[in-house]
Amino acid sequence: MRSSVQAQPLSLATTLGIGERQVLALAVGVANSLVILDDGRARRIGRVLGLKMTGTVGILARGTREGLIPRLLPVLDRLESLGFRLSSEAKAAALRLVGEGFQ
């Protein structure tokens, strides 16, 4: 059962898409969930709910650190060419995280 602290942010989530709302609602009910969201509004609500979160870039960075992806930069460049929005600061931080630096 949700606490009133958790129910309030979820009621504010009506501005989110159905997918984001469902992910947040499920994560609230599952202990130690890792929520994968890229939508900024959904991530803010997730933080209010105290959820552990990552996004597409976080998943790709982890794959790079674990040797599943040879280099992160070409993958991020490809995502951006397909319309994925990524700030230069976030891109630089991800590249530093995997030891590539921002080129």
PDB file of N, CA and C in Angstrom:
ATOM      1  N   MET A   1       0.842  -1.182   0.000  1.00  0.00           N
ATOM      2  CA  MET A   1       0.000   0.000   0.000  1.00  0.00           C
ATOM      3  C   MET A   1       0.883   1.241   0.000  1.00  0.00           C
ATOM      4  N   ARG A   2       0.525   2.217  -0.797  1.00  0.00           N
ATOM      5  CA  ARG A   2       1.307   3.441  -0.893  1.00  0.00           C
ATOM      6  C   ARG A   2       1.065   4.339   0.302  1.00  0.00           C
ATOM      7  N   SER A   3       2.147   4.992   0.723  1.00  0.00           N
ATOM      8  CA  SER A   3       1.997   6.001   1.765  1.00  0.00           C
ATOM      9  C   SER A   3       1.447   7.275   1.120  1.00  0.00           C
ATOM     10  N   SER A   4       0.940   8.196   1.940  1.00  0.00           N
ATOM     11  CA  SER A   4       0.420   9.445   1.383  1.00  0.00           C
ATOM     12  C   SER A   4       1.530  10.262   0.740  1.00  0.00           C
ATOM     13  N   VAL A   5       2.760  10.109   1.227  1.00  0.00           N
ATOM     14  CA  VAL A   5       3.901  10.822   0.632  1.00  0.00           C
ATOM     15  C   VAL A   5       4.123  10.322  -0.791  1.00  0.00           C
ATOM     16  N   GLN A   6       3.959   9.023  -1.021  1.00  0.00           N
ATOM     17  CA  GLN A   6       4.146   8.472  -2.352  1.00  0.00           C
ATOM     18  C   GLN A   6       2.948   8.742  -3.249  1.00  0.00           C
ATOM     19  N   ALA A   7       1.749   8.708  -2.711  1.00  0.00           N
ATOM     20  CA  ALA A   7       0.555   8.896  -3.523  1.00  0.00           C
ATOM     21  C   ALA A   7       0.472  10.304  -4.087  1.00  0.00           C
ATOM     22  N   GLN A   8       0.915  11.300  -3.335  1.00  0.00           N
ATOM     23  CA  GLN A   8       0.817  12.684  -3.805  1.00  0.00           C
ATOM     24  C   GLN A   8       1.629  12.916  -5.086  1.00  0.00           C
ATOM     25  N   PRO A   9       2.926  12.547  -5.144  1.00  0.00           N
ATOM     26  CA  PRO A   9       3.651  12.751  -6.405  1.00  0.00           C
ATOM     27  C   PRO A   9       3.051  11.946  -7.552  1.00  0.00           C
ATOM     28  N   LEU A  10       2.545  10.751  -7.270  1.00  0.00           N
ATOM     29  CA  LEU A  10       1.939   9.975  -8.347  1.00  0.00           C
ATOM     30  C   LEU A  10       0.685  10.655  -8.879  1.00  0.00           C
ATOM     31  N   SER A  11      -0.058  11.334  -8.017  1.00  0.00           N
ATOM     32  CA  SER A  11      -1.230  12.054  -8.500  1.00  0.00           C
ATOM     33  C   SER A  11      -0.814  13.246  -9.363  1.00  0.00           C
ATOM     34  N   LEU A  12       0.366  13.798  -9.118  1.00  0.00           N
ATOM     35  CA  LEU A  12       0.891  14.889  -9.943  1.00  0.00           C
ATOM     36  C   LEU A  12       1.403  14.393 -11.288  1.00  0.00           C
ATOM     37  N   ALA A  13       1.580  13.090 -11.408  1.00  0.00           N
ATOM     38  CA  ALA A  13       2.147  12.501 -12.618  1.00  0.00           C
ATOM     39  C   ALA A  13       1.162  12.467 -13.775  1.00  0.00           C
ATOM     40  N   THR A  14      -0.003  13.071 -13.627  1.00  0.00           N
ATOM     41  CA  THR A  14      -0.999  13.034 -14.702  1.00  0.00           C
ATOM     42  C   THR A  14      -0.522  13.744 -15.959  1.00  0.00           C
ATOM     43  N   THR A  15       0.506  14.589 -15.840  1.00  0.00           N
ATOM     44  CA  THR A  15       1.045  15.267 -17.013  1.00  0.00           C
ATOM     45  C   THR A  15       2.005  14.371 -17.791  1.00  0.00           C
ATOM     46  N   LEU A  16       2.300  13.203 -17.257  1.00  0.00           N
ATOM     47  CA  LEU A  16       3.219  12.279 -17.910  1.00  0.00           C
ATOM     48  C   LEU A  16       2.465  11.360 -18.864  1.00  0.00           C
ATOM     49  N   GLY A  17       3.210  10.716 -19.733  1.00  0.00           N
ATOM     50  CA  GLY A  17       2.626   9.706 -20.607  1.00  0.00           C
ATOM     51  C   GLY A  17       2.260   8.471 -19.808  1.00  0.00           C
ATOM     52  N   ILE A  18       1.441   7.633 -20.392  1.00  0.00           N
ATOM     53  CA  ILE A  18       0.973   6.428 -19.716  1.00  0.00           C
ATOM     54  C   ILE A  18       2.146   5.519 -19.334  1.00  0.00           C
ATOM     55  N   GLY A  19       3.144   5.422 -20.189  1.00  0.00           N
ATOM     56  CA  GLY A  19       4.285   4.557 -19.899  1.00  0.00           C
ATOM     57  C   GLY A  19       5.060   5.020 -18.679  1.00  0.00           C
ATOM     58  N   GLU A  20       5.337   6.315 -18.614  1.00  0.00           N
ATOM     59  CA  GLU A  20       6.058   6.854 -17.461  1.00  0.00           C
ATOM     60  C   GLU A  20       5.263   6.671 -16.175  1.00  0.00           C
ATOM     61  N   ARG A  21       3.945   6.914 -16.252  1.00  0.00           N
ATOM     62  CA  ARG A  21       3.099   6.735 -15.062  1.00  0.00           C
ATOM     63  C   ARG A  21       3.112   5.293 -14.596  1.00  0.00           C
ATOM     64  N   GLN A  22       3.027   4.361 -15.526  1.00  0.00           N
ATOM     65  CA  GLN A  22       3.018   2.950 -15.151  1.00  0.00           C
ATOM     66  C   GLN A  22       4.348   2.514 -14.553  1.00  0.00           C
ATOM     67  N   VAL A  23       5.444   2.987 -15.127  1.00  0.00           N
ATOM     68  CA  VAL A  23       6.766   2.648 -14.590  1.00  0.00           C
ATOM     69  C   VAL A  23       6.906   3.149 -13.158  1.00  0.00           C
ATOM     70  N   LEU A  24       6.517   4.389 -12.909  1.00  0.00           N
ATOM     71  CA  LEU A  24       6.615   4.951 -11.557  1.00  0.00           C
ATOM     72  C   LEU A  24       5.717   4.208 -10.576  1.00  0.00           C
ATOM     73  N   ALA A  25       4.496   3.919 -10.994  1.00  0.00           N
ATOM     74  CA  ALA A  25       3.563   3.215 -10.106  1.00  0.00           C
ATOM     75  C   ALA A  25       4.087   1.831  -9.765  1.00  0.00           C
ATOM     76  N   LEU A  26       4.625   1.127 -10.732  1.00  0.00           N
ATOM     77  CA  LEU A  26       5.174  -0.208 -10.484  1.00  0.00           C
ATOM     78  C   LEU A  26       6.382  -0.139  -9.560  1.00  0.00           C
ATOM     79  N   ALA A  27       7.260   0.818  -9.810  1.00  0.00           N
ATOM     80  CA  ALA A  27       8.484   0.937  -9.011  1.00  0.00           C
ATOM     81  C   ALA A  27       8.189   1.251  -7.553  1.00  0.00           C
ATOM     82  N   VAL A  28       7.138   2.019  -7.307  1.00  0.00           N
ATOM     83  CA  VAL A  28       6.763   2.346  -5.931  1.00  0.00           C
ATOM     84  C   VAL A  28       6.419   1.069  -5.171  1.00  0.00           C
ATOM     85  N   GLY A  29       5.829   0.118  -5.860  1.00  0.00           N
ATOM     86  CA  GLY A  29       5.392  -1.109  -5.206  1.00  0.00           C
ATOM     87  C   GLY A  29       6.421  -2.222  -5.157  1.00  0.00           C
ATOM     88  N   VAL A  30       7.572  -2.033  -5.800  1.00  0.00           N
ATOM     89  CA  VAL A  30       8.590  -3.081  -5.849  1.00  0.00           C
ATOM     90  C   VAL A  30       9.855  -2.563  -5.172  1.00  0.00           C
ATOM     91  N   ALA A  31      10.216  -3.184  -4.070  1.00  0.00           N
ATOM     92  CA  ALA A  31      11.392  -2.742  -3.308  1.00  0.00           C
ATOM     93  C   ALA A  31      12.663  -2.834  -4.150  1.00  0.00           C
ATOM     94  N   ASN A  32      13.541  -1.860  -3.962  1.00  0.00           N
ATOM     95  CA  ASN A  32      14.861  -1.827  -4.611  1.00  0.00           C
ATOM     96  C   ASN A  32      14.788  -1.823  -6.132  1.00  0.00           C
ATOM     97  N   SER A  33      13.765  -1.203  -6.682  1.00  0.00           N
ATOM     98  CA  SER A  33      13.629  -1.107  -8.139  1.00  0.00           C
ATOM     99  C   SER A  33      14.684  -0.168  -8.709  1.00  0.00           C
ATOM    100  N   LEU A  34      15.103  -0.451  -9.919  1.00  0.00           N
ATOM    101  CA  LEU A  34      15.905   0.489 -10.695  1.00  0.00           C
ATOM    102  C   LEU A  34      15.021   0.929 -11.850  1.00  0.00           C
ATOM    103  N   VAL A  35      14.656   2.199 -11.857  1.00  0.00           N
ATOM    104  CA  VAL A  35      13.746   2.748 -12.854  1.00  0.00           C
ATOM    105  C   VAL A  35      14.568   3.329 -13.996  1.00  0.00           C
ATOM    106  N   ILE A  36      14.214   2.964 -15.212  1.00  0.00           N
ATOM    107  CA  ILE A  36      14.901   3.478 -16.393  1.00  0.00           C
ATOM    108  C   ILE A  36      13.963   4.455 -17.089  1.00  0.00           C
ATOM    109  N   LEU A  37      14.274   5.739 -16.958  1.00  0.00           N
ATOM    110  CA  LEU A  37      13.453   6.807 -17.536  1.00  0.00           C
ATOM    111  C   LEU A  37      14.355   7.893 -18.106  1.00  0.00           C
ATOM    112  N   ASP A  38      13.968   8.456 -19.233  1.00  0.00           N
ATOM    113  CA  ASP A  38      14.688   9.586 -19.808  1.00  0.00           C
ATOM    114  C   ASP A  38      13.913  10.892 -19.662  1.00  0.00           C
ATOM    115  N   ASP A  39      12.609  10.817 -19.506  1.00  0.00           N
ATOM    116  CA  ASP A  39      11.769  12.008 -19.408  1.00  0.00           C
ATOM    117  C   ASP A  39      12.094  12.793 -18.141  1.00  0.00           C
ATOM    118  N   GLY A  40      12.439  14.057 -18.302  1.00  0.00           N
ATOM    119  CA  GLY A  40      12.849  14.895 -17.169  1.00  0.00           C
ATOM    120  C   GLY A  40      11.790  15.040 -16.097  1.00  0.00           C
ATOM    121  N   ARG A  41      10.538  15.252 -16.504  1.00  0.00           N
ATOM    122  CA  ARG A  41       9.458  15.391 -15.512  1.00  0.00           C
ATOM    123  C   ARG A  41       9.270  14.095 -14.739  1.00  0.00           C
ATOM    124  N   ALA A  42       9.315  12.976 -15.432  1.00  0.00           N
ATOM    125  CA  ALA A  42       9.150  11.672 -14.767  1.00  0.00           C
ATOM    126  C   ALA A  42      10.298  11.418 -13.794  1.00  0.00           C
ATOM    127  N   ARG A  43      11.503  11.798 -14.177  1.00  0.00           N
ATOM    128  CA  ARG A  43      12.657  11.605 -13.290  1.00  0.00           C
ATOM    129  C   ARG A  43      12.542  12.472 -12.032  1.00  0.00           C
ATOM    130  N   ARG A  44      12.032  13.707 -12.198  1.00  0.00           N
ATOM    131  CA  ARG A  44      11.846  14.564 -11.020  1.00  0.00           C
ATOM    132  C   ARG A  44      10.850  13.935 -10.047  1.00  0.00           C
ATOM    133  N   ILE A  45       9.763  13.411 -10.565  1.00  0.00           N
ATOM    134  CA  ILE A  45       8.775  12.756  -9.702  1.00  0.00           C
ATOM    135  C   ILE A  45       9.382  11.510  -9.071  1.00  0.00           C
ATOM    136  N   GLY A  46      10.159  10.773  -9.831  1.00  0.00           N
ATOM    137  CA  GLY A  46      10.835   9.589  -9.285  1.00  0.00           C
ATOM    138  C   GLY A  46      11.772   9.938  -8.145  1.00  0.00           C
ATOM    139  N   ARG A  47      12.480  11.056  -8.275  1.00  0.00           N
ATOM    140  CA  ARG A  47      13.374  11.497  -7.184  1.00  0.00           C
ATOM    141  C   ARG A  47      12.573  11.847  -5.938  1.00  0.00           C
ATOM    142  N   VAL A  48      11.432  12.526  -6.135  1.00  0.00           N
ATOM    143  CA  VAL A  48      10.567  12.857  -4.998  1.00  0.00           C
ATOM    144  C   VAL A  48      10.095  11.578  -4.302  1.00  0.00           C
ATOM    145  N   LEU A  49       9.849  10.549  -5.095  1.00  0.00           N
ATOM    146  CA  LEU A  49       9.405   9.270  -4.540  1.00  0.00           C
ATOM    147  C   LEU A  49      10.549   8.470  -3.924  1.00  0.00           C
ATOM    148  N   GLY A  50      11.779   8.944  -4.099  1.00  0.00           N
ATOM    149  CA  GLY A  50      12.933   8.244  -3.536  1.00  0.00           C
ATOM    150  C   GLY A  50      13.350   7.016  -4.327  1.00  0.00           C
ATOM    151  N   LEU A  51      13.030   6.987  -5.612  1.00  0.00           N
ATOM    152  CA  LEU A  51      13.355   5.834  -6.439  1.00  0.00           C
ATOM    153  C   LEU A  51      14.776   5.927  -6.981  1.00  0.00           C
ATOM    154  N   LYS A  52      15.393   4.782  -7.159  1.00  0.00           N
ATOM    155  CA  LYS A  52      16.713   4.705  -7.792  1.00  0.00           C
ATOM    156  C   LYS A  52      16.479   4.704  -9.303  1.00  0.00           C
ATOM    157  N   MET A  53      17.136   5.641  -9.995  1.00  0.00           N
ATOM    158  CA  MET A  53      16.865   5.801 -11.421  1.00  0.00           C
ATOM    159  C   MET A  53      18.136   5.869 -12.249  1.00  0.00           C
ATOM    160  N   THR A  54      17.969   5.517 -13.510  1.00  0.00           N
ATOM    161  CA  THR A  54      18.977   5.717 -14.529  1.00  0.00           C
ATOM    162  C   THR A  54      18.228   5.996 -15.824  1.00  0.00           C
ATOM    163  N   GLY A  55      18.971   6.247 -16.868  1.00  0.00           N
ATOM    164  CA  GLY A  55      18.357   6.494 -18.172  1.00  0.00           C
ATOM    165  C   GLY A  55      19.109   5.732 -19.247  1.00  0.00           C
ATOM    166  N   THR A  56      18.771   6.004 -20.474  1.00  0.00           N
ATOM    167  CA  THR A  56      19.410   5.343 -21.608  1.00  0.00           C
ATOM    168  C   THR A  56      20.924   5.511 -21.560  1.00  0.00           C
ATOM    169  N   VAL A  57      21.378   6.729 -21.319  1.00  0.00           N
ATOM    170  CA  VAL A  57      22.822   6.990 -21.295  1.00  0.00           C
ATOM    171  C   VAL A  57      23.475   6.240 -20.133  1.00  0.00           C
ATOM    172  N   GLY A  58      22.810   6.158 -19.003  1.00  0.00           N
ATOM    173  CA  GLY A  58      23.340   5.403 -17.870  1.00  0.00           C
ATOM    174  C   GLY A  58      23.494   3.924 -18.194  1.00  0.00           C
ATOM    175  N   ILE A  59      22.518   3.364 -18.879  1.00  0.00           N
ATOM    176  CA  ILE A  59      22.587   1.954 -19.286  1.00  0.00           C
ATOM    177  C   ILE A  59      23.745   1.749 -20.268  1.00  0.00           C
ATOM    178  N   LEU A  60      23.877   2.665 -21.223  1.00  0.00           N
ATOM    179  CA  LEU A  60      24.963   2.552 -22.204  1.00  0.00           C
ATOM    180  C   LEU A  60      26.329   2.721 -21.539  1.00  0.00           C
ATOM    181  N   ALA A  61      26.433   3.638 -20.583  1.00  0.00           N
ATOM    182  CA  ALA A  61      27.698   3.825 -19.868  1.00  0.00           C
ATOM    183  C   ALA A  61      28.059   2.557 -19.098  1.00  0.00           C
ATOM    184  N   ARG A  62      27.080   1.955 -18.469  1.00  0.00           N
ATOM    185  CA  ARG A  62      27.350   0.709 -17.734  1.00  0.00           C
ATOM    186  C   ARG A  62      27.815  -0.386 -18.698  1.00  0.00           C
ATOM    187  N   GLY A  63      27.160  -0.472 -19.841  1.00  0.00           N
ATOM    188  CA  GLY A  63      27.580  -1.453 -20.845  1.00  0.00           C
ATOM    189  C   GLY A  63      28.997  -1.215 -21.328  1.00  0.00           C
ATOM    190  N   THR A  64      29.381   0.044 -21.434  1.00  0.00           N
ATOM    191  CA  THR A  64      30.745   0.389 -21.839  1.00  0.00           C
ATOM    192  C   THR A  64      31.738  -0.002 -20.753  1.00  0.00           C
ATOM    193  N   ARG A  65      31.425   0.340 -19.502  1.00  0.00           N
ATOM    194  CA  ARG A  65      32.319  -0.012 -18.389  1.00  0.00           C
ATOM    195  C   ARG A  65      32.487  -1.522 -18.255  1.00  0.00           C
ATOM    196  N   GLU A  66      31.434  -2.273 -18.588  1.00  0.00           N
ATOM    197  CA  GLU A  66      31.489  -3.727 -18.468  1.00  0.00           C
ATOM    198  C   GLU A  66      32.023  -4.414 -19.719  1.00  0.00           C
ATOM    199  N   GLY A  67      32.443  -3.610 -20.716  1.00  0.00           N
ATOM    200  CA  GLY A  67      33.053  -4.163 -21.916  1.00  0.00           C
ATOM    201  C   GLY A  67      32.072  -4.663 -22.968  1.00  0.00           C
ATOM    202  N   LEU A  68      30.800  -4.396 -22.796  1.00  0.00           N
ATOM    203  CA  LEU A  68      29.805  -4.831 -23.775  1.00  0.00           C
ATOM    204  C   LEU A  68      29.712  -3.878 -24.963  1.00  0.00           C
ATOM    205  N   ILE A  69      30.112  -2.632 -24.743  1.00  0.00           N
ATOM    206  CA  ILE A  69      30.128  -1.614 -25.790  1.00  0.00           C
ATOM    207  C   ILE A  69      31.561  -1.099 -25.873  1.00  0.00           C
ATOM    208  N   PRO A  70      32.214  -1.220 -27.039  1.00  0.00           N
ATOM    209  CA  PRO A  70      33.632  -0.846 -27.126  1.00  0.00           C
ATOM    210  C   PRO A  70      33.902   0.617 -26.784  1.00  0.00           C
ATOM    211  N   ARG A  71      33.088   1.536 -27.351  1.00  0.00           N
ATOM    212  CA  ARG A  71      33.265   2.972 -27.089  1.00  0.00           C
ATOM    213  C   ARG A  71      31.898   3.615 -27.002  1.00  0.00           C
ATOM    214  N   LEU A  72      31.762   4.525 -26.054  1.00  0.00           N
ATOM    215  CA  LEU A  72      30.479   5.178 -25.830  1.00  0.00           C
ATOM    216  C   LEU A  72      30.214   6.324 -26.807  1.00  0.00           C
ATOM    217  N   LEU A  73      31.240   7.083 -27.151  1.00  0.00           N
ATOM    218  CA  LEU A  73      31.051   8.268 -27.988  1.00  0.00           C
ATOM    219  C   LEU A  73      30.313   7.979 -29.291  1.00  0.00           C
ATOM    220  N   PRO A  74      30.704   6.966 -30.065  1.00  0.00           N
ATOM    221  CA  PRO A  74      29.967   6.726 -31.315  1.00  0.00           C
ATOM    222  C   PRO A  74      28.492   6.373 -31.080  1.00  0.00           C
ATOM    223  N   VAL A  75      28.215   5.699 -29.987  1.00  0.00           N
ATOM    224  CA  VAL A  75      26.826   5.338 -29.686  1.00  0.00           C
ATOM    225  C   VAL A  75      26.026   6.597 -29.344  1.00  0.00           C
ATOM    226  N   LEU A  76      26.606   7.475 -28.535  1.00  0.00           N
ATOM    227  CA  LEU A  76      25.924   8.724 -28.195  1.00  0.00           C
ATOM    228  C   LEU A  76      25.726   9.604 -29.421  1.00  0.00           C
ATOM    229  N   ASP A  77      26.745   9.666 -30.272  1.00  0.00           N
ATOM    230  CA  ASP A  77      26.621  10.448 -31.512  1.00  0.00           C
ATOM    231  C   ASP A  77      25.492   9.902 -32.385  1.00  0.00           C
ATOM    232  N   ARG A  78      25.388   8.594 -32.471  1.00  0.00           N
ATOM    233  CA  ARG A  78      24.324   7.966 -33.274  1.00  0.00           C
ATOM    234  C   ARG A  78      22.950   8.274 -32.681  1.00  0.00           C
ATOM    235  N   LEU A  79      22.830   8.168 -31.356  1.00  0.00           N
ATOM    236  CA  LEU A  79      21.565   8.499 -30.702  1.00  0.00           C
ATOM    237  C   LEU A  79      21.143   9.929 -31.017  1.00  0.00           C
ATOM    238  N   GLU A  80      22.107  10.854 -30.918  1.00  0.00           N
ATOM    239  CA  GLU A  80      21.806  12.263 -31.205  1.00  0.00           C
ATOM    240  C   GLU A  80      21.374  12.443 -32.661  1.00  0.00           C
ATOM    241  N   SER A  81      22.002  11.721 -33.579  1.00  0.00           N
ATOM    242  CA  SER A  81      21.636  11.834 -34.992  1.00  0.00           C
ATOM    243  C   SER A  81      20.223  11.312 -35.253  1.00  0.00           C
ATOM    244  N   LEU A  82      19.728  10.460 -34.352  1.00  0.00           N
ATOM    245  CA  LEU A  82      18.372   9.921 -34.468  1.00  0.00           C
ATOM    246  C   LEU A  82      17.343  10.769 -33.720  1.00  0.00           C
ATOM    247  N   GLY A  83      17.801  11.880 -33.111  1.00  0.00           N
ATOM    248  CA  GLY A  83      16.884  12.789 -32.445  1.00  0.00           C
ATOM    249  C   GLY A  83      16.850  12.687 -30.929  1.00  0.00           C
ATOM    250  N   PHE A  84      17.702  11.857 -30.348  1.00  0.00           N
ATOM    251  CA  PHE A  84      17.775  11.759 -28.891  1.00  0.00           C
ATOM    252  C   PHE A  84      18.400  13.039 -28.366  1.00  0.00           C
ATOM    253  N   ARG A  85      17.705  13.696 -27.436  1.00  0.00           N
ATOM    254  CA  ARG A  85      18.222  14.963 -26.898  1.00  0.00           C
ATOM    255  C   ARG A  85      19.137  14.685 -25.725  1.00  0.00           C
ATOM    256  N   LEU A  86      20.346  15.228 -25.812  1.00  0.00           N
ATOM    257  CA  LEU A  86      21.364  15.026 -24.786  1.00  0.00           C
ATOM    258  C   LEU A  86      22.169  16.312 -24.680  1.00  0.00           C
ATOM    259  N   SER A  87      22.187  16.903 -23.484  1.00  0.00           N
ATOM    260  CA  SER A  87      22.953  18.137 -23.313  1.00  0.00           C
ATOM    261  C   SER A  87      24.443  17.840 -23.431  1.00  0.00           C
ATOM    262  N   SER A  88      25.201  18.845 -23.805  1.00  0.00           N
ATOM    263  CA  SER A  88      26.651  18.653 -23.923  1.00  0.00           C
ATOM    264  C   SER A  88      27.252  18.325 -22.558  1.00  0.00           C
ATOM    265  N   GLU A  89      26.646  18.871 -21.480  1.00  0.00           N
ATOM    266  CA  GLU A  89      27.139  18.569 -20.124  1.00  0.00           C
ATOM    267  C   GLU A  89      26.910  17.103 -19.773  1.00  0.00           C
ATOM    268  N   ALA A  90      25.735  16.594 -20.092  1.00  0.00           N
ATOM    269  CA  ALA A  90      25.426  15.183 -19.796  1.00  0.00           C
ATOM    270  C   ALA A  90      26.304  14.257 -20.629  1.00  0.00           C
ATOM    271  N   LYS A  91      26.524  14.629 -21.875  1.00  0.00           N
ATOM    272  CA  LYS A  91      27.376  13.827 -22.752  1.00  0.00           C
ATOM    273  C   LYS A  91      28.805  13.790 -22.209  1.00  0.00           C
ATOM    274  N   ALA A  92      29.317  14.947 -21.823  1.00  0.00           N
ATOM    275  CA  ALA A  92      30.679  15.022 -21.279  1.00  0.00           C
ATOM    276  C   ALA A  92      30.795  14.210 -19.996  1.00  0.00           C
ATOM    277  N   ALA A  93      29.791  14.286 -19.135  1.00  0.00           N
ATOM    278  CA  ALA A  93      29.818  13.541 -17.875  1.00  0.00           C
ATOM    279  C   ALA A  93      29.821  12.040 -18.137  1.00  0.00           C
ATOM    280  N   ALA A  94      29.009  11.590 -19.074  1.00  0.00           N
ATOM    281  CA  ALA A  94      28.956  10.162 -19.395  1.00  0.00           C
ATOM    282  C   ALA A  94      30.292   9.684 -19.950  1.00  0.00           C
ATOM    283  N   LEU A  95      30.881  10.484 -20.817  1.00  0.00           N
ATOM    284  CA  LEU A  95      32.168  10.094 -21.404  1.00  0.00           C
ATOM    285  C   LEU A  95      33.279  10.074 -20.348  1.00  0.00           C
ATOM    286  N   ARG A  96      33.252  11.033 -19.431  1.00  0.00           N
ATOM    287  CA  ARG A  96      34.235  11.016 -18.336  1.00  0.00           C
ATOM    288  C   ARG A  96      34.048   9.770 -17.470  1.00  0.00           C
ATOM    289  N   LEU A  97      32.795   9.396 -17.240  1.00  0.00           N
ATOM    290  CA  LEU A  97      32.481   8.236 -16.405  1.00  0.00           C
ATOM    291  C   LEU A  97      33.105   6.967 -16.954  1.00  0.00           C
ATOM    292  N   VAL A  98      33.166   6.858 -18.262  1.00  0.00           N
ATOM    293  CA  VAL A  98      33.726   5.644 -18.873  1.00  0.00           C
ATOM    294  C   VAL A  98      35.183   5.827 -19.290  1.00  0.00           C
ATOM    295  N   GLY A  99      35.765   6.984 -18.972  1.00  0.00           N
ATOM    296  CA  GLY A  99      37.177   7.217 -19.254  1.00  0.00           C
ATOM    297  C   GLY A  99      37.466   7.637 -20.683  1.00  0.00           C
ATOM    298  N   GLU A 100      36.474   8.118 -21.405  1.00  0.00           N
ATOM    299  CA  GLU A 100      36.707   8.562 -22.777  1.00  0.00           C
ATOM    300  C   GLU A 100      36.988  10.041 -22.883  1.00  0.00           C
ATOM    301  N   GLY A 101      36.551  10.814 -21.907  1.00  0.00           N
ATOM    302  CA  GLY A 101      36.697  12.268 -22.011  1.00  0.00           C
ATOM    303  C   GLY A 101      35.812  12.784 -23.127  1.00  0.00           C
ATOM    304  N   PHE A 102      35.596  14.070 -23.158  1.00  0.00           N
ATOM    305  CA  PHE A 102      34.729  14.669 -24.178  1.00  0.00           C
ATOM    306  C   PHE A 102      35.591  15.136 -25.322  1.00  0.00           C
ATOM    307  N   GLN A 103      35.312  14.613 -26.517  1.00  0.00           N
ATOM    308  CA  GLN A 103      36.139  14.883 -27.696  1.00  0.00           C
ATOM    309  C   GLN A 103      35.417  15.780 -28.660  1.00  0.00           C
TER     310      GLN A 103
END
